[in-house]
């Protein structure tokens, strides 16, 4: 969704063609999320289908410019004014790996945690070393803010790993290990943890 809305926001500044949009996206995001031109044009096709942009004729150089519509401008305003909602659950590979490792009999979960923490701490050190002075140029500022986000996320990851290590140290191995269940699994999706007791989520 953010790529689609970001391209719309750029088009709100004026008509652009595909390669130009890719360059503008890179400039404004610190080149942290490389887009190929095929992805750009696929997104533009969907935006045109939804009535958010219109496609013009090719110019003398063969560039086909796309222009935002009134509906597209309204979509940009809504996107910019709406806080990002993080997903309630997690499919983060690290979280899943560690929670599974902790419950597997015969697996040294503490070693898995230590190996991960060493790698995460090394990445954090590298991110701290590459932190630049306050950027003055807008493009440098975008890259700096992306680097800051990566560094803050790495710091949070190391803190979380310390928490996981402490939780594991406070428990006996038998208290966290899970043997394979002998009961036949019930068909259908598991009940949500947020469902009311004895009820279903509407």
C-alpha atoms as a PDB file:
ATOM      1  CA  UNK A   1       0.000   0.000   0.000  1.00  0.00           C
ATOM      2  CA  UNK A   2       2.797   2.481   0.831  1.00  0.00           C
ATOM      3  CA  UNK A   3       4.348   2.197  -2.658  1.00  0.00           C
ATOM      4  CA  UNK A   4       1.025   2.893  -4.321  1.00  0.00           C
ATOM      5  CA  UNK A   5       0.285   5.854  -2.071  1.00  0.00           C
ATOM      6  CA  UNK A   6       3.842   7.188  -2.317  1.00  0.00           C
ATOM      7  CA  UNK A   7       3.692   7.204  -6.115  1.00  0.00           C
ATOM      8  CA  UNK A   8       0.354   8.998  -5.925  1.00  0.00           C
ATOM      9  CA  UNK A   9       1.827  11.587  -3.556  1.00  0.00           C
ATOM     10  CA  UNK A  10       4.704  12.209  -5.976  1.00  0.00           C
ATOM     11  CA  UNK A  11       2.269  12.561  -8.889  1.00  0.00           C
ATOM     12  CA  UNK A  12       0.394  15.121  -6.799  1.00  0.00           C
ATOM     13  CA  UNK A  13       3.463  17.343  -7.380  1.00  0.00           C
ATOM     14  CA  UNK A  14       3.117  17.061 -11.154  1.00  0.00           C
ATOM     15  CA  UNK A  15       2.887  14.594 -14.060  1.00  0.00           C
ATOM     16  CA  UNK A  16       5.668  11.997 -14.267  1.00  0.00           C
ATOM     17  CA  UNK A  17       6.664   9.029 -16.403  1.00  0.00           C
ATOM     18  CA  UNK A  18       7.781   5.632 -15.075  1.00  0.00           C
ATOM     19  CA  UNK A  19      11.568   6.064 -14.789  1.00  0.00           C
ATOM     20  CA  UNK A  20      11.052   9.543 -13.396  1.00  0.00           C
ATOM     21  CA  UNK A  21       8.750   8.162 -10.693  1.00  0.00           C
ATOM     22  CA  UNK A  22      11.316   5.541  -9.749  1.00  0.00           C
ATOM     23  CA  UNK A  23      14.011   8.209  -9.402  1.00  0.00           C
ATOM     24  CA  UNK A  24      11.740  10.454  -7.351  1.00  0.00           C
ATOM     25  CA  UNK A  25      10.754   7.570  -5.072  1.00  0.00           C
ATOM     26  CA  UNK A  26      14.449   6.747  -4.479  1.00  0.00           C
ATOM     27  CA  UNK A  27      15.281  10.387  -3.757  1.00  0.00           C
ATOM     28  CA  UNK A  28      12.523  10.701  -1.178  1.00  0.00           C
ATOM     29  CA  UNK A  29      13.064   7.382   0.636  1.00  0.00           C
ATOM     30  CA  UNK A  30      16.849   7.258   0.844  1.00  0.00           C
ATOM     31  CA  UNK A  31      16.905   4.468  -1.793  1.00  0.00           C
ATOM     32  CA  UNK A  32      15.936   2.050   0.955  1.00  0.00           C
ATOM     33  CA  UNK A  33      13.257   0.264  -1.064  1.00  0.00           C
ATOM     34  CA  UNK A  34      14.451  -0.205  -4.659  1.00  0.00           C
ATOM     35  CA  UNK A  35      11.634  -0.458  -7.182  1.00  0.00           C
ATOM     36  CA  UNK A  36      11.984  -1.847 -10.686  1.00  0.00           C
ATOM     37  CA  UNK A  37      10.291  -0.112 -13.579  1.00  0.00           C
ATOM     38  CA  UNK A  38       7.979  -3.079 -14.136  1.00  0.00           C
ATOM     39  CA  UNK A  39       6.659  -2.681 -10.595  1.00  0.00           C
ATOM     40  CA  UNK A  40       6.164   1.040 -11.203  1.00  0.00           C
ATOM     41  CA  UNK A  41       4.116   0.482 -14.365  1.00  0.00           C
ATOM     42  CA  UNK A  42       2.077  -2.345 -12.795  1.00  0.00           C
ATOM     43  CA  UNK A  43       1.190   0.026  -9.963  1.00  0.00           C
ATOM     44  CA  UNK A  44       0.356   2.808 -12.419  1.00  0.00           C
ATOM     45  CA  UNK A  45      -1.940   0.449 -14.330  1.00  0.00           C
ATOM     46  CA  UNK A  46      -3.821  -0.329 -11.103  1.00  0.00           C
ATOM     47  CA  UNK A  47      -4.022   3.346 -10.207  1.00  0.00           C
ATOM     48  CA  UNK A  48      -5.420   4.114 -13.659  1.00  0.00           C
ATOM     49  CA  UNK A  49      -7.921   1.261 -13.354  1.00  0.00           C
ATOM     50  CA  UNK A  50      -9.078   2.691 -10.021  1.00  0.00           C
ATOM     51  CA  UNK A  51      -9.507   6.168 -11.480  1.00  0.00           C
ATOM     52  CA  UNK A  52      -6.700   7.715  -9.427  1.00  0.00           C
ATOM     53  CA  UNK A  53      -4.436   8.645 -12.358  1.00  0.00           C
ATOM     54  CA  UNK A  54      -4.844   9.194 -16.085  1.00  0.00           C
ATOM     55  CA  UNK A  55      -2.355   8.248 -18.797  1.00  0.00           C
ATOM     56  CA  UNK A  56      -1.359  10.774 -21.408  1.00  0.00           C
ATOM     57  CA  UNK A  57       0.139  10.395 -24.861  1.00  0.00           C
ATOM     58  CA  UNK A  58       3.829   9.752 -25.462  1.00  0.00           C
ATOM     59  CA  UNK A  59       6.070  12.798 -25.861  1.00  0.00           C
ATOM     60  CA  UNK A  60       8.808  13.203 -28.485  1.00  0.00           C
ATOM     61  CA  UNK A  61      11.154  11.014 -26.434  1.00  0.00           C
ATOM     62  CA  UNK A  62       8.546   8.299 -26.001  1.00  0.00           C
ATOM     63  CA  UNK A  63       7.837   9.107 -22.349  1.00  0.00           C
ATOM     64  CA  UNK A  64       4.258   8.456 -21.285  1.00  0.00           C
ATOM     65  CA  UNK A  65       3.290  10.825 -18.499  1.00  0.00           C
ATOM     66  CA  UNK A  66       0.753   9.953 -15.821  1.00  0.00           C
ATOM     67  CA  UNK A  67      -1.299  12.629 -14.111  1.00  0.00           C
ATOM     68  CA  UNK A  68      -3.175  12.414 -10.831  1.00  0.00           C
ATOM     69  CA  UNK A  69      -6.960  12.843 -10.772  1.00  0.00           C
ATOM     70  CA  UNK A  70      -9.107  14.593  -8.175  1.00  0.00           C
ATOM     71  CA  UNK A  71      -9.871  11.184  -6.660  1.00  0.00           C
ATOM     72  CA  UNK A  72      -6.143  10.509  -6.505  1.00  0.00           C
ATOM     73  CA  UNK A  73      -5.507  13.786  -4.696  1.00  0.00           C
ATOM     74  CA  UNK A  74      -8.204  12.910  -2.181  1.00  0.00           C
ATOM     75  CA  UNK A  75      -6.567   9.502  -1.654  1.00  0.00           C
ATOM     76  CA  UNK A  76      -3.202  11.195  -0.992  1.00  0.00           C
ATOM     77  CA  UNK A  77      -4.747  13.546   1.578  1.00  0.00           C
ATOM     78  CA  UNK A  78      -6.422  10.603   3.315  1.00  0.00           C
ATOM     79  CA  UNK A  79      -3.165   8.604   3.362  1.00  0.00           C
ATOM     80  CA  UNK A  80      -1.095  11.463   4.771  1.00  0.00           C
ATOM     81  CA  UNK A  81      -3.708  12.216   7.438  1.00  0.00           C
ATOM     82  CA  UNK A  82      -4.153   8.584   8.554  1.00  0.00           C
ATOM     83  CA  UNK A  83      -1.768   7.044  11.138  1.00  0.00           C
ATOM     84  CA  UNK A  84      -0.122   3.792  10.041  1.00  0.00           C
ATOM     85  CA  UNK A  85      -1.721   0.814  11.776  1.00  0.00           C
ATOM     86  CA  UNK A  86       0.781  -1.913  12.600  1.00  0.00           C
ATOM     87  CA  UNK A  87      -0.390  -5.503  12.187  1.00  0.00           C
ATOM     88  CA  UNK A  88      -1.745  -6.978  15.425  1.00  0.00           C
ATOM     89  CA  UNK A  89       0.160 -10.251  15.060  1.00  0.00           C
ATOM     90  CA  UNK A  90       3.661 -11.006  13.879  1.00  0.00           C
ATOM     91  CA  UNK A  91       5.139 -13.179  11.183  1.00  0.00           C
ATOM     92  CA  UNK A  92       8.625 -11.971  11.925  1.00  0.00           C
ATOM     93  CA  UNK A  93      11.044 -14.822  11.225  1.00  0.00           C
ATOM     94  CA  UNK A  94      13.195 -14.137  14.287  1.00  0.00           C
ATOM     95  CA  UNK A  95      10.231 -14.166  16.675  1.00  0.00           C
ATOM     96  CA  UNK A  96       8.890 -17.385  15.194  1.00  0.00           C
ATOM     97  CA  UNK A  97      12.318 -19.055  15.161  1.00  0.00           C
ATOM     98  CA  UNK A  98      13.036 -18.318  18.825  1.00  0.00           C
ATOM     99  CA  UNK A  99       9.598 -19.229  20.137  1.00  0.00           C
ATOM    100  CA  UNK A 100       9.715 -22.540  18.258  1.00  0.00           C
ATOM    101  CA  UNK A 101      13.312 -23.229  19.351  1.00  0.00           C
ATOM    102  CA  UNK A 102      12.434 -22.643  23.001  1.00  0.00           C
ATOM    103  CA  UNK A 103       9.686 -25.269  22.862  1.00  0.00           C
ATOM    104  CA  UNK A 104      11.658 -27.980  21.032  1.00  0.00           C
ATOM    105  CA  UNK A 105      12.981 -30.713  23.348  1.00  0.00           C
ATOM    106  CA  UNK A 106      16.693 -31.309  22.817  1.00  0.00           C
ATOM    107  CA  UNK A 107      17.378 -27.868  21.346  1.00  0.00           C
ATOM    108  CA  UNK A 108      19.726 -25.536  23.215  1.00  0.00           C
ATOM    109  CA  UNK A 109      17.541 -22.439  22.956  1.00  0.00           C
ATOM    110  CA  UNK A 110      20.002 -20.394  25.010  1.00  0.00           C
ATOM    111  CA  UNK A 111      22.676 -21.006  22.373  1.00  0.00           C
ATOM    112  CA  UNK A 112      20.278 -20.027  19.598  1.00  0.00           C
ATOM    113  CA  UNK A 113      19.504 -16.792  21.452  1.00  0.00           C
ATOM    114  CA  UNK A 114      23.196 -16.023  22.064  1.00  0.00           C
ATOM    115  CA  UNK A 115      24.100 -16.603  18.412  1.00  0.00           C
ATOM    116  CA  UNK A 116      21.313 -14.287  17.323  1.00  0.00           C
ATOM    117  CA  UNK A 117      22.195 -11.642  19.888  1.00  0.00           C
ATOM    118  CA  UNK A 118      25.827 -11.619  18.721  1.00  0.00           C
ATOM    119  CA  UNK A 119      24.707 -11.118  15.130  1.00  0.00           C
ATOM    120  CA  UNK A 120      22.152  -8.465  16.068  1.00  0.00           C
ATOM    121  CA  UNK A 121      24.667  -6.597  18.247  1.00  0.00           C
ATOM    122  CA  UNK A 122      27.218  -6.639  15.411  1.00  0.00           C
ATOM    123  CA  UNK A 123      24.624  -5.188  13.040  1.00  0.00           C
ATOM    124  CA  UNK A 124      23.765  -2.511  15.605  1.00  0.00           C
ATOM    125  CA  UNK A 125      27.447  -1.556  15.927  1.00  0.00           C
ATOM    126  CA  UNK A 126      27.727  -1.268  12.151  1.00  0.00           C
ATOM    127  CA  UNK A 127      24.627   0.928  11.984  1.00  0.00           C
ATOM    128  CA  UNK A 128      25.969   3.173  14.727  1.00  0.00           C
ATOM    129  CA  UNK A 129      29.321   3.511  12.961  1.00  0.00           C
ATOM    130  CA  UNK A 130      27.722   4.598   9.704  1.00  0.00           C
ATOM    131  CA  UNK A 131      25.521   7.202  11.376  1.00  0.00           C
ATOM    132  CA  UNK A 132      26.339  10.501   9.699  1.00  0.00           C
ATOM    133  CA  UNK A 133      26.230  14.013  11.048  1.00  0.00           C
ATOM    134  CA  UNK A 134      22.984  15.933  10.718  1.00  0.00           C
ATOM    135  CA  UNK A 135      22.162  16.044   7.018  1.00  0.00           C
ATOM    136  CA  UNK A 136      21.405  19.360   5.354  1.00  0.00           C
ATOM    137  CA  UNK A 137      20.434  18.192   1.875  1.00  0.00           C
ATOM    138  CA  UNK A 138      16.845  16.812   1.676  1.00  0.00           C
ATOM    139  CA  UNK A 139      18.012  13.618  -0.048  1.00  0.00           C
ATOM    140  CA  UNK A 140      20.704  13.070   2.598  1.00  0.00           C
ATOM    141  CA  UNK A 141      18.105  13.729   5.273  1.00  0.00           C
ATOM    142  CA  UNK A 142      15.857  10.991   3.851  1.00  0.00           C
ATOM    143  CA  UNK A 143      18.744   8.506   3.926  1.00  0.00           C
ATOM    144  CA  UNK A 144      19.671   9.610   7.456  1.00  0.00           C
ATOM    145  CA  UNK A 145      16.121   9.092   8.734  1.00  0.00           C
ATOM    146  CA  UNK A 146      16.007   5.612   7.191  1.00  0.00           C
ATOM    147  CA  UNK A 147      19.335   4.790   8.866  1.00  0.00           C
ATOM    148  CA  UNK A 148      17.933   6.059  12.171  1.00  0.00           C
ATOM    149  CA  UNK A 149      14.873   3.813  11.800  1.00  0.00           C
ATOM    150  CA  UNK A 150      17.106   0.794  11.134  1.00  0.00           C
ATOM    151  CA  UNK A 151      19.299   1.647  14.133  1.00  0.00           C
ATOM    152  CA  UNK A 152      16.351   2.110  16.490  1.00  0.00           C
ATOM    153  CA  UNK A 153      14.875  -1.208  15.286  1.00  0.00           C
ATOM    154  CA  UNK A 154      18.225  -2.942  15.862  1.00  0.00           C
ATOM    155  CA  UNK A 155      18.439  -1.470  19.371  1.00  0.00           C
ATOM    156  CA  UNK A 156      14.927  -2.720  20.124  1.00  0.00           C
ATOM    157  CA  UNK A 157      15.832  -6.159  18.776  1.00  0.00           C
ATOM    158  CA  UNK A 158      18.857  -6.436  21.073  1.00  0.00           C
ATOM    159  CA  UNK A 159      16.757  -5.333  24.063  1.00  0.00           C
ATOM    160  CA  UNK A 160      14.101  -7.923  23.178  1.00  0.00           C
ATOM    161  CA  UNK A 161      16.741 -10.655  22.887  1.00  0.00           C
ATOM    162  CA  UNK A 162      18.024  -9.720  26.347  1.00  0.00           C
ATOM    163  CA  UNK A 163      14.442 -10.054  27.605  1.00  0.00           C
ATOM    164  CA  UNK A 164      14.023 -13.467  25.944  1.00  0.00           C
ATOM    165  CA  UNK A 165      17.326 -14.614  27.448  1.00  0.00           C
ATOM    166  CA  UNK A 166      16.210 -13.507  30.917  1.00  0.00           C
ATOM    167  CA  UNK A 167      12.816 -15.223  30.565  1.00  0.00           C
ATOM    168  CA  UNK A 168      14.468 -18.458  29.481  1.00  0.00           C
ATOM    169  CA  UNK A 169      16.983 -18.279  32.331  1.00  0.00           C
ATOM    170  CA  UNK A 170      14.130 -17.962  34.835  1.00  0.00           C
ATOM    171  CA  UNK A 171      12.474 -21.173  33.660  1.00  0.00           C
ATOM    172  CA  UNK A 172      13.521 -24.801  33.774  1.00  0.00           C
ATOM    173  CA  UNK A 173      13.966 -26.497  30.411  1.00  0.00           C
ATOM    174  CA  UNK A 174      11.088 -28.869  31.097  1.00  0.00           C
ATOM    175  CA  UNK A 175       8.751 -25.957  31.762  1.00  0.00           C
ATOM    176  CA  UNK A 176       9.080 -24.590  28.224  1.00  0.00           C
ATOM    177  CA  UNK A 177       9.573 -27.735  26.135  1.00  0.00           C
ATOM    178  CA  UNK A 178       6.559 -29.093  24.282  1.00  0.00           C
ATOM    179  CA  UNK A 179       6.240 -32.698  23.165  1.00  0.00           C
ATOM    180  CA  UNK A 180       4.160 -33.449  20.098  1.00  0.00           C
ATOM    181  CA  UNK A 181       0.481 -33.440  20.979  1.00  0.00           C
ATOM    182  CA  UNK A 182      -1.202 -36.840  20.877  1.00  0.00           C
ATOM    183  CA  UNK A 183      -4.726 -35.487  20.402  1.00  0.00           C
ATOM    184  CA  UNK A 184      -6.026 -35.297  16.854  1.00  0.00           C
ATOM    185  CA  UNK A 185      -6.051 -31.665  15.703  1.00  0.00           C
ATOM    186  CA  UNK A 186      -9.475 -30.166  15.164  1.00  0.00           C
ATOM    187  CA  UNK A 187     -10.275 -29.065  11.659  1.00  0.00           C
ATOM    188  CA  UNK A 188     -10.716 -25.401  10.869  1.00  0.00           C
ATOM    189  CA  UNK A 189      -8.865 -22.348  12.022  1.00  0.00           C
ATOM    190  CA  UNK A 190      -7.738 -22.051  15.639  1.00  0.00           C
ATOM    191  CA  UNK A 191      -9.907 -19.896  17.866  1.00  0.00           C
ATOM    192  CA  UNK A 192      -8.665 -16.336  18.193  1.00  0.00           C
ATOM    193  CA  UNK A 193      -7.185 -15.364  21.545  1.00  0.00           C
ATOM    194  CA  UNK A 194      -9.364 -12.251  21.422  1.00  0.00           C
ATOM    195  CA  UNK A 195     -12.630 -14.128  21.025  1.00  0.00           C
ATOM    196  CA  UNK A 196     -14.997 -13.767  23.996  1.00  0.00           C
ATOM    197  CA  UNK A 197     -15.311 -16.803  26.244  1.00  0.00           C
ATOM    198  CA  UNK A 198     -17.764 -19.250  24.784  1.00  0.00           C
ATOM    199  CA  UNK A 199     -18.409 -16.987  21.841  1.00  0.00           C
ATOM    200  CA  UNK A 200     -17.199 -16.238  18.355  1.00  0.00           C
ATOM    201  CA  UNK A 201     -15.847 -13.141  16.792  1.00  0.00           C
ATOM    202  CA  UNK A 202     -18.406 -11.634  14.449  1.00  0.00           C
END
